[in-house]
């Protein structure tokens, strides 16, 4: 059996753009489900999703603060 070492944690969820915010909102019982905002879903049967929030949202994710520009270009 091989040993595993956890050197850090990272989360990007509809509840937050980092581990602390996501965990705090999860423990508080908040839901990440909301009306779809990233595209026009008015013609779809389902208009609710768990989208990762935009950077200007309270729980938003800003990749420029967390991900190296070189890595962003590779994704």
PDB file of N, CA and C in Angstrom:
ATOM      1  N   UNK A   1       0.849  -1.183   0.000  1.00  0.00           N
ATOM      2  CA  UNK A   1       0.000   0.000   0.000  1.00  0.00           C
ATOM      3  C   UNK A   1       0.890   1.241   0.000  1.00  0.00           C
ATOM      4  N   UNK A   2       0.523   2.221  -0.827  1.00  0.00           N
ATOM      5  CA  UNK A   2       1.288   3.459  -0.923  1.00  0.00           C
ATOM      6  C   UNK A   2       0.737   4.495   0.042  1.00  0.00           C
ATOM      7  N   UNK A   3       1.620   5.294   0.567  1.00  0.00           N
ATOM      8  CA  UNK A   3       1.206   6.386   1.446  1.00  0.00           C
ATOM      9  C   UNK A   3       0.783   7.577   0.603  1.00  0.00           C
ATOM     10  N   UNK A   4      -0.196   8.292   1.106  1.00  0.00           N
ATOM     11  CA  UNK A   4      -0.683   9.489   0.436  1.00  0.00           C
ATOM     12  C   UNK A   4      -0.489  10.665   1.376  1.00  0.00           C
ATOM     13  N   UNK A   5       0.000  11.758   0.842  1.00  0.00           N
ATOM     14  CA  UNK A   5       0.190  12.964   1.635  1.00  0.00           C
ATOM     15  C   UNK A   5      -0.663  14.069   1.025  1.00  0.00           C
ATOM     16  N   UNK A   6      -1.538  14.643   1.826  1.00  0.00           N
ATOM     17  CA  UNK A   6      -2.359  15.763   1.376  1.00  0.00           C
ATOM     18  C   UNK A   6      -1.591  17.039   1.693  1.00  0.00           C
ATOM     19  N   UNK A   7      -1.261  17.790   0.658  1.00  0.00           N
ATOM     20  CA  UNK A   7      -0.463  18.999   0.860  1.00  0.00           C
ATOM     21  C   UNK A   7      -1.291  20.273   0.828  1.00  0.00           C
ATOM     22  N   UNK A   8      -2.559  20.133   0.507  1.00  0.00           N
ATOM     23  CA  UNK A   8      -3.428  21.304   0.474  1.00  0.00           C
ATOM     24  C   UNK A   8      -4.806  20.925  -0.006  1.00  0.00           C
ATOM     25  N   UNK A   9      -5.721  21.831   0.159  1.00  0.00           N
ATOM     26  CA  UNK A   9      -7.094  21.619  -0.281  1.00  0.00           C
ATOM     27  C   UNK A   9      -7.514  22.765  -1.183  1.00  0.00           C
ATOM     28  N   UNK A  10      -8.374  22.454  -2.109  1.00  0.00           N
ATOM     29  CA  UNK A  10      -8.923  23.484  -2.978  1.00  0.00           C
ATOM     30  C   UNK A  10     -10.334  23.111  -3.379  1.00  0.00           C
ATOM     31  N   UNK A  11     -11.207  24.068  -3.373  1.00  0.00           N
ATOM     32  CA  UNK A  11     -12.595  23.853  -3.771  1.00  0.00           C
ATOM     33  C   UNK A  11     -13.091  25.052  -4.557  1.00  0.00           C
ATOM     34  N   UNK A  12     -13.829  24.783  -5.591  1.00  0.00           N
ATOM     35  CA  UNK A  12     -14.588  25.814  -6.296  1.00  0.00           C
ATOM     36  C   UNK A  12     -15.966  25.214  -6.482  1.00  0.00           C
ATOM     37  N   UNK A  13     -16.944  25.740  -5.761  1.00  0.00           N
ATOM     38  CA  UNK A  13     -18.293  25.189  -5.784  1.00  0.00           C
ATOM     39  C   UNK A  13     -19.309  26.316  -5.931  1.00  0.00           C
ATOM     40  N   UNK A  14     -20.572  25.977  -6.144  1.00  0.00           N
ATOM     41  CA  UNK A  14     -21.607  27.014  -6.174  1.00  0.00           C
ATOM     42  C   UNK A  14     -21.777  27.712  -4.822  1.00  0.00           C
ATOM     43  N   UNK A  15     -21.202  27.135  -3.779  1.00  0.00           N
ATOM     44  CA  UNK A  15     -21.310  27.738  -2.452  1.00  0.00           C
ATOM     45  C   UNK A  15     -20.126  28.629  -2.108  1.00  0.00           C
ATOM     46  N   UNK A  16     -19.117  28.647  -2.952  1.00  0.00           N
ATOM     47  CA  UNK A  16     -17.976  29.502  -2.670  1.00  0.00           C
ATOM     48  C   UNK A  16     -16.798  29.212  -3.568  1.00  0.00           C
ATOM     49  N   UNK A  17     -15.921  30.181  -3.691  1.00  0.00           N
ATOM     50  CA  UNK A  17     -14.753  30.060  -4.544  1.00  0.00           C
ATOM     51  C   UNK A  17     -13.523  29.554  -3.832  1.00  0.00           C
ATOM     52  N   UNK A  18     -13.668  29.163  -2.560  1.00  0.00           N
ATOM     53  CA  UNK A  18     -12.550  28.608  -1.812  1.00  0.00           C
ATOM     54  C   UNK A  18     -13.078  27.638  -0.757  1.00  0.00           C
ATOM     55  N   UNK A  19     -12.164  26.938  -0.099  1.00  0.00           N
ATOM     56  CA  UNK A  19     -12.553  25.919   0.880  1.00  0.00           C
ATOM     57  C   UNK A  19     -13.347  26.526   2.031  1.00  0.00           C
ATOM     58  N   UNK A  20     -12.852  27.609   2.601  1.00  0.00           N
ATOM     59  CA  UNK A  20     -13.481  28.192   3.782  1.00  0.00           C
ATOM     60  C   UNK A  20     -14.914  28.645   3.508  1.00  0.00           C
ATOM     61  N   UNK A  21     -15.107  29.374   2.418  1.00  0.00           N
ATOM     62  CA  UNK A  21     -16.444  29.880   2.085  1.00  0.00           C
ATOM     63  C   UNK A  21     -17.393  28.742   1.752  1.00  0.00           C
ATOM     64  N   UNK A  22     -16.930  27.784   0.956  1.00  0.00           N
ATOM     65  CA  UNK A  22     -17.774  26.638   0.602  1.00  0.00           C
ATOM     66  C   UNK A  22     -18.193  25.870   1.849  1.00  0.00           C
ATOM     67  N   UNK A  23     -17.233  25.597   2.738  1.00  0.00           N
ATOM     68  CA  UNK A  23     -17.531  24.839   3.953  1.00  0.00           C
ATOM     69  C   UNK A  23     -18.497  25.604   4.857  1.00  0.00           C
ATOM     70  N   UNK A  24     -18.254  26.895   5.051  1.00  0.00           N
ATOM     71  CA  UNK A  24     -19.116  27.714   5.906  1.00  0.00           C
ATOM     72  C   UNK A  24     -20.557  27.712   5.384  1.00  0.00           C
ATOM     73  N   UNK A  25     -20.739  27.864   4.084  1.00  0.00           N
ATOM     74  CA  UNK A  25     -22.080  27.881   3.502  1.00  0.00           C
ATOM     75  C   UNK A  25     -22.736  26.505   3.537  1.00  0.00           C
ATOM     76  N   UNK A  26     -21.947  25.460   3.373  1.00  0.00           N
ATOM     77  CA  UNK A  26     -22.478  24.100   3.465  1.00  0.00           C
ATOM     78  C   UNK A  26     -22.978  23.815   4.876  1.00  0.00           C
ATOM     79  N   UNK A  27     -22.187  24.153   5.870  1.00  0.00           N
ATOM     80  CA  UNK A  27     -22.567  23.941   7.271  1.00  0.00           C
ATOM     81  C   UNK A  27     -23.785  24.790   7.632  1.00  0.00           C
ATOM     82  N   UNK A  28     -23.909  25.967   7.041  1.00  0.00           N
ATOM     83  CA  UNK A  28     -25.052  26.850   7.311  1.00  0.00           C
ATOM     84  C   UNK A  28     -26.324  26.371   6.608  1.00  0.00           C
ATOM     85  N   UNK A  29     -26.207  25.327   5.781  1.00  0.00           N
ATOM     86  CA  UNK A  29     -27.383  24.783   5.112  1.00  0.00           C
ATOM     87  C   UNK A  29     -27.797  25.534   3.862  1.00  0.00           C
ATOM     88  N   UNK A  30     -26.896  26.339   3.317  1.00  0.00           N
ATOM     89  CA  UNK A  30     -27.224  27.079   2.098  1.00  0.00           C
ATOM     90  C   UNK A  30     -27.197  26.151   0.887  1.00  0.00           C
ATOM     91  N   UNK A  31     -27.955  26.510  -0.117  1.00  0.00           N
ATOM     92  CA  UNK A  31     -27.993  25.750  -1.363  1.00  0.00           C
ATOM     93  C   UNK A  31     -27.281  26.530  -2.453  1.00  0.00           C
ATOM     94  N   UNK A  32     -26.601  25.831  -3.322  1.00  0.00           N
ATOM     95  CA  UNK A  32     -25.952  26.472  -4.456  1.00  0.00           C
ATOM     96  C   UNK A  32     -26.853  26.542  -5.676  1.00  0.00           C
ATOM     97  N   UNK A  33     -28.040  25.963  -5.584  1.00  0.00           N
ATOM     98  CA  UNK A  33     -28.969  25.944  -6.718  1.00  0.00           C
ATOM     99  C   UNK A  33     -29.626  27.309  -6.895  1.00  0.00           C
ATOM    100  N   UNK A  34     -29.714  27.743  -8.146  1.00  0.00           N
ATOM    101  CA  UNK A  34     -30.337  29.034  -8.466  1.00  0.00           C
ATOM    102  C   UNK A  34     -30.698  29.044  -9.952  1.00  0.00           C
ATOM    103  N   UNK A  35     -31.387  30.083 -10.378  1.00  0.00           N
ATOM    104  CA  UNK A  35     -31.716  30.238 -11.792  1.00  0.00           C
ATOM    105  C   UNK A  35     -30.423  30.312 -12.611  1.00  0.00           C
ATOM    106  N   UNK A  36     -30.414  29.685 -13.759  1.00  0.00           N
ATOM    107  CA  UNK A  36     -29.248  29.706 -14.641  1.00  0.00           C
ATOM    108  C   UNK A  36     -29.025  31.131 -15.147  1.00  0.00           C
ATOM    109  N   UNK A  37     -27.774  31.585 -15.039  1.00  0.00           N
ATOM    110  CA  UNK A  37     -27.440  32.947 -15.453  1.00  0.00           C
ATOM    111  C   UNK A  37     -26.373  32.996 -16.540  1.00  0.00           C
ATOM    112  N   UNK A  38     -25.638  31.913 -16.761  1.00  0.00           N
ATOM    113  CA  UNK A  38     -24.531  31.940 -17.720  1.00  0.00           C
ATOM    114  C   UNK A  38     -24.977  31.856 -19.174  1.00  0.00           C
ATOM    115  N   UNK A  39     -26.236  31.483 -19.398  1.00  0.00           N
ATOM    116  CA  UNK A  39     -26.791  31.464 -20.751  1.00  0.00           C
ATOM    117  C   UNK A  39     -28.307  31.542 -20.644  1.00  0.00           C
ATOM    118  N   UNK A  40     -28.965  31.822 -21.741  1.00  0.00           N
ATOM    119  CA  UNK A  40     -30.425  31.917 -21.758  1.00  0.00           C
ATOM    120  C   UNK A  40     -31.020  30.511 -21.712  1.00  0.00           C
ATOM    121  N   UNK A  41     -31.615  30.169 -20.591  1.00  0.00           N
ATOM    122  CA  UNK A  41     -32.194  28.837 -20.407  1.00  0.00           C
ATOM    123  C   UNK A  41     -33.713  28.865 -20.483  1.00  0.00           C
ATOM    124  N   UNK A  42     -34.276  29.960 -20.954  1.00  0.00           N
ATOM    125  CA  UNK A  42     -35.734  30.104 -20.959  1.00  0.00           C
ATOM    126  C   UNK A  42     -36.435  29.054 -21.822  1.00  0.00           C
ATOM    127  N   UNK A  43     -35.757  28.522 -22.834  1.00  0.00           N
ATOM    128  CA  UNK A  43     -36.359  27.497 -23.689  1.00  0.00           C
ATOM    129  C   UNK A  43     -36.067  26.074 -23.212  1.00  0.00           C
ATOM    130  N   UNK A  44     -35.391  25.949 -22.088  1.00  0.00           N
ATOM    131  CA  UNK A  44     -35.040  24.634 -21.561  1.00  0.00           C
ATOM    132  C   UNK A  44     -36.088  24.157 -20.564  1.00  0.00           C
ATOM    133  N   UNK A  45     -36.183  22.845 -20.390  1.00  0.00           N
ATOM    134  CA  UNK A  45     -37.116  22.299 -19.404  1.00  0.00           C
ATOM    135  C   UNK A  45     -36.664  22.630 -17.986  1.00  0.00           C
ATOM    136  N   UNK A  46     -35.362  22.667 -17.788  1.00  0.00           N
ATOM    137  CA  UNK A  46     -34.809  22.978 -16.467  1.00  0.00           C
ATOM    138  C   UNK A  46     -34.095  24.326 -16.539  1.00  0.00           C
ATOM    139  N   UNK A  47     -34.445  25.225 -15.645  1.00  0.00           N
ATOM    140  CA  UNK A  47     -33.806  26.547 -15.634  1.00  0.00           C
ATOM    141  C   UNK A  47     -33.050  26.793 -14.334  1.00  0.00           C
ATOM    142  N   UNK A  48     -32.858  25.744 -13.564  1.00  0.00           N
ATOM    143  CA  UNK A  48     -32.144  25.842 -12.289  1.00  0.00           C
ATOM    144  C   UNK A  48     -30.896  24.974 -12.367  1.00  0.00           C
ATOM    145  N   UNK A  49     -29.785  25.493 -11.852  1.00  0.00           N
ATOM    146  CA  UNK A  49     -28.529  24.745 -11.852  1.00  0.00           C
ATOM    147  C   UNK A  49     -27.678  25.182 -10.666  1.00  0.00           C
ATOM    148  N   UNK A  50     -26.613  24.473 -10.447  1.00  0.00           N
ATOM    149  CA  UNK A  50     -25.642  24.825  -9.407  1.00  0.00           C
ATOM    150  C   UNK A  50     -24.386  25.351 -10.097  1.00  0.00           C
ATOM    151  N   UNK A  51     -24.475  26.578 -10.585  1.00  0.00           N
ATOM    152  CA  UNK A  51     -23.367  27.204 -11.304  1.00  0.00           C
ATOM    153  C   UNK A  51     -22.353  27.782 -10.321  1.00  0.00           C
ATOM    154  N   UNK A  52     -21.091  27.768 -10.725  1.00  0.00           N
ATOM    155  CA  UNK A  52     -20.077  28.497  -9.971  1.00  0.00           C
ATOM    156  C   UNK A  52     -20.352  29.969 -10.219  1.00  0.00           C
ATOM    157  N   UNK A  53     -20.406  30.744  -9.151  1.00  0.00           N
ATOM    158  CA  UNK A  53     -20.801  32.150  -9.245  1.00  0.00           C
ATOM    159  C   UNK A  53     -19.694  33.012  -9.860  1.00  0.00           C
ATOM    160  N   UNK A  54     -20.110  34.114 -10.464  1.00  0.00           N
ATOM    161  CA  UNK A  54     -19.188  35.074 -11.079  1.00  0.00           C
ATOM    162  C   UNK A  54     -18.343  35.757  -9.999  1.00  0.00           C
ATOM    163  N   UNK A  55     -17.170  36.288 -10.370  1.00  0.00           N
ATOM    164  CA  UNK A  55     -16.280  36.906  -9.386  1.00  0.00           C
ATOM    165  C   UNK A  55     -16.914  38.027  -8.563  1.00  0.00           C
ATOM    166  N   UNK A  56     -17.875  38.758  -9.122  1.00  0.00           N
ATOM    167  CA  UNK A  56     -18.476  39.871  -8.385  1.00  0.00           C
ATOM    168  C   UNK A  56     -19.572  39.421  -7.420  1.00  0.00           C
ATOM    169  N   UNK A  57     -19.908  38.145  -7.402  1.00  0.00           N
ATOM    170  CA  UNK A  57     -20.920  37.611  -6.490  1.00  0.00           C
ATOM    171  C   UNK A  57     -20.286  37.385  -5.115  1.00  0.00           C
ATOM    172  N   UNK A  58     -21.108  37.414  -4.079  1.00  0.00           N
ATOM    173  CA  UNK A  58     -20.629  37.195  -2.702  1.00  0.00           C
ATOM    174  C   UNK A  58     -19.832  35.891  -2.575  1.00  0.00           C
ATOM    175  N   UNK A  59     -20.262  34.840  -3.255  1.00  0.00           N
ATOM    176  CA  UNK A  59     -19.576  33.543  -3.192  1.00  0.00           C
ATOM    177  C   UNK A  59     -18.805  33.255  -4.472  1.00  0.00           C
ATOM    178  N   UNK A  60     -18.482  34.291  -5.229  1.00  0.00           N
ATOM    179  CA  UNK A  60     -17.895  34.115  -6.552  1.00  0.00           C
ATOM    180  C   UNK A  60     -16.468  33.607  -6.556  1.00  0.00           C
ATOM    181  N   UNK A  61     -16.065  33.142  -7.733  1.00  0.00           N
ATOM    182  CA  UNK A  61     -14.712  32.636  -7.945  1.00  0.00           C
ATOM    183  C   UNK A  61     -14.016  33.493  -8.985  1.00  0.00           C
ATOM    184  N   UNK A  62     -12.855  34.024  -8.623  1.00  0.00           N
ATOM    185  CA  UNK A  62     -12.049  34.810  -9.548  1.00  0.00           C
ATOM    186  C   UNK A  62     -10.784  34.016  -9.861  1.00  0.00           C
ATOM    187  N   UNK A  63     -10.706  33.404 -11.044  1.00  0.00           N
ATOM    188  CA  UNK A  63      -9.537  32.580 -11.352  1.00  0.00           C
ATOM    189  C   UNK A  63      -8.230  33.366 -11.344  1.00  0.00           C
ATOM    190  N   UNK A  64      -8.287  34.665 -11.582  1.00  0.00           N
ATOM    191  CA  UNK A  64      -7.066  35.474 -11.583  1.00  0.00           C
ATOM    192  C   UNK A  64      -6.433  35.571 -10.203  1.00  0.00           C
ATOM    193  N   UNK A  65      -7.215  35.362  -9.152  1.00  0.00           N
ATOM    194  CA  UNK A  65      -6.686  35.405  -7.790  1.00  0.00           C
ATOM    195  C   UNK A  65      -6.146  34.048  -7.345  1.00  0.00           C
ATOM    196  N   UNK A  66      -6.538  32.980  -8.029  1.00  0.00           N
ATOM    197  CA  UNK A  66      -6.216  31.636  -7.553  1.00  0.00           C
ATOM    198  C   UNK A  66      -5.389  30.789  -8.516  1.00  0.00           C
ATOM    199  N   UNK A  67      -5.459  31.083  -9.812  1.00  0.00           N
ATOM    200  CA  UNK A  67      -4.830  30.210 -10.804  1.00  0.00           C
ATOM    201  C   UNK A  67      -3.793  30.988 -11.607  1.00  0.00           C
ATOM    202  N   UNK A  68      -2.612  30.432 -11.700  1.00  0.00           N
ATOM    203  CA  UNK A  68      -1.529  31.035 -12.459  1.00  0.00           C
ATOM    204  C   UNK A  68      -1.969  31.266 -13.914  1.00  0.00           C
ATOM    205  N   UNK A  69      -1.637  32.422 -14.511  1.00  0.00           N
ATOM    206  CA  UNK A  69      -2.048  32.709 -15.892  1.00  0.00           C
ATOM    207  C   UNK A  69      -1.613  31.633 -16.892  1.00  0.00           C
ATOM    208  N   UNK A  70      -0.439  31.059 -16.686  1.00  0.00           N
ATOM    209  CA  UNK A  70       0.040  30.003 -17.579  1.00  0.00           C
ATOM    210  C   UNK A  70      -0.888  28.789 -17.513  1.00  0.00           C
ATOM    211  N   UNK A  71      -1.313  28.435 -16.332  1.00  0.00           N
ATOM    212  CA  UNK A  71      -2.226  27.301 -16.159  1.00  0.00           C
ATOM    213  C   UNK A  71      -3.586  27.629 -16.764  1.00  0.00           C
ATOM    214  N   UNK A  72      -4.047  28.875 -16.613  1.00  0.00           N
ATOM    215  CA  UNK A  72      -5.334  29.278 -17.193  1.00  0.00           C
ATOM    216  C   UNK A  72      -5.338  29.095 -18.707  1.00  0.00           C
ATOM    217  N   UNK A  73      -4.228  29.388 -19.357  1.00  0.00           N
ATOM    218  CA  UNK A  73      -4.155  29.232 -20.814  1.00  0.00           C
ATOM    219  C   UNK A  73      -4.205  27.761 -21.228  1.00  0.00           C
ATOM    220  N   UNK A  74      -3.759  26.873 -20.361  1.00  0.00           N
ATOM    221  CA  UNK A  74      -3.744  25.443 -20.672  1.00  0.00           C
ATOM    222  C   UNK A  74      -5.110  24.804 -20.500  1.00  0.00           C
ATOM    223  N   UNK A  75      -5.955  25.427 -19.718  1.00  0.00           N
ATOM    224  CA  UNK A  75      -7.265  24.834 -19.427  1.00  0.00           C
ATOM    225  C   UNK A  75      -8.247  25.157 -20.513  1.00  0.00           C
TER     226      UNK A  75
END
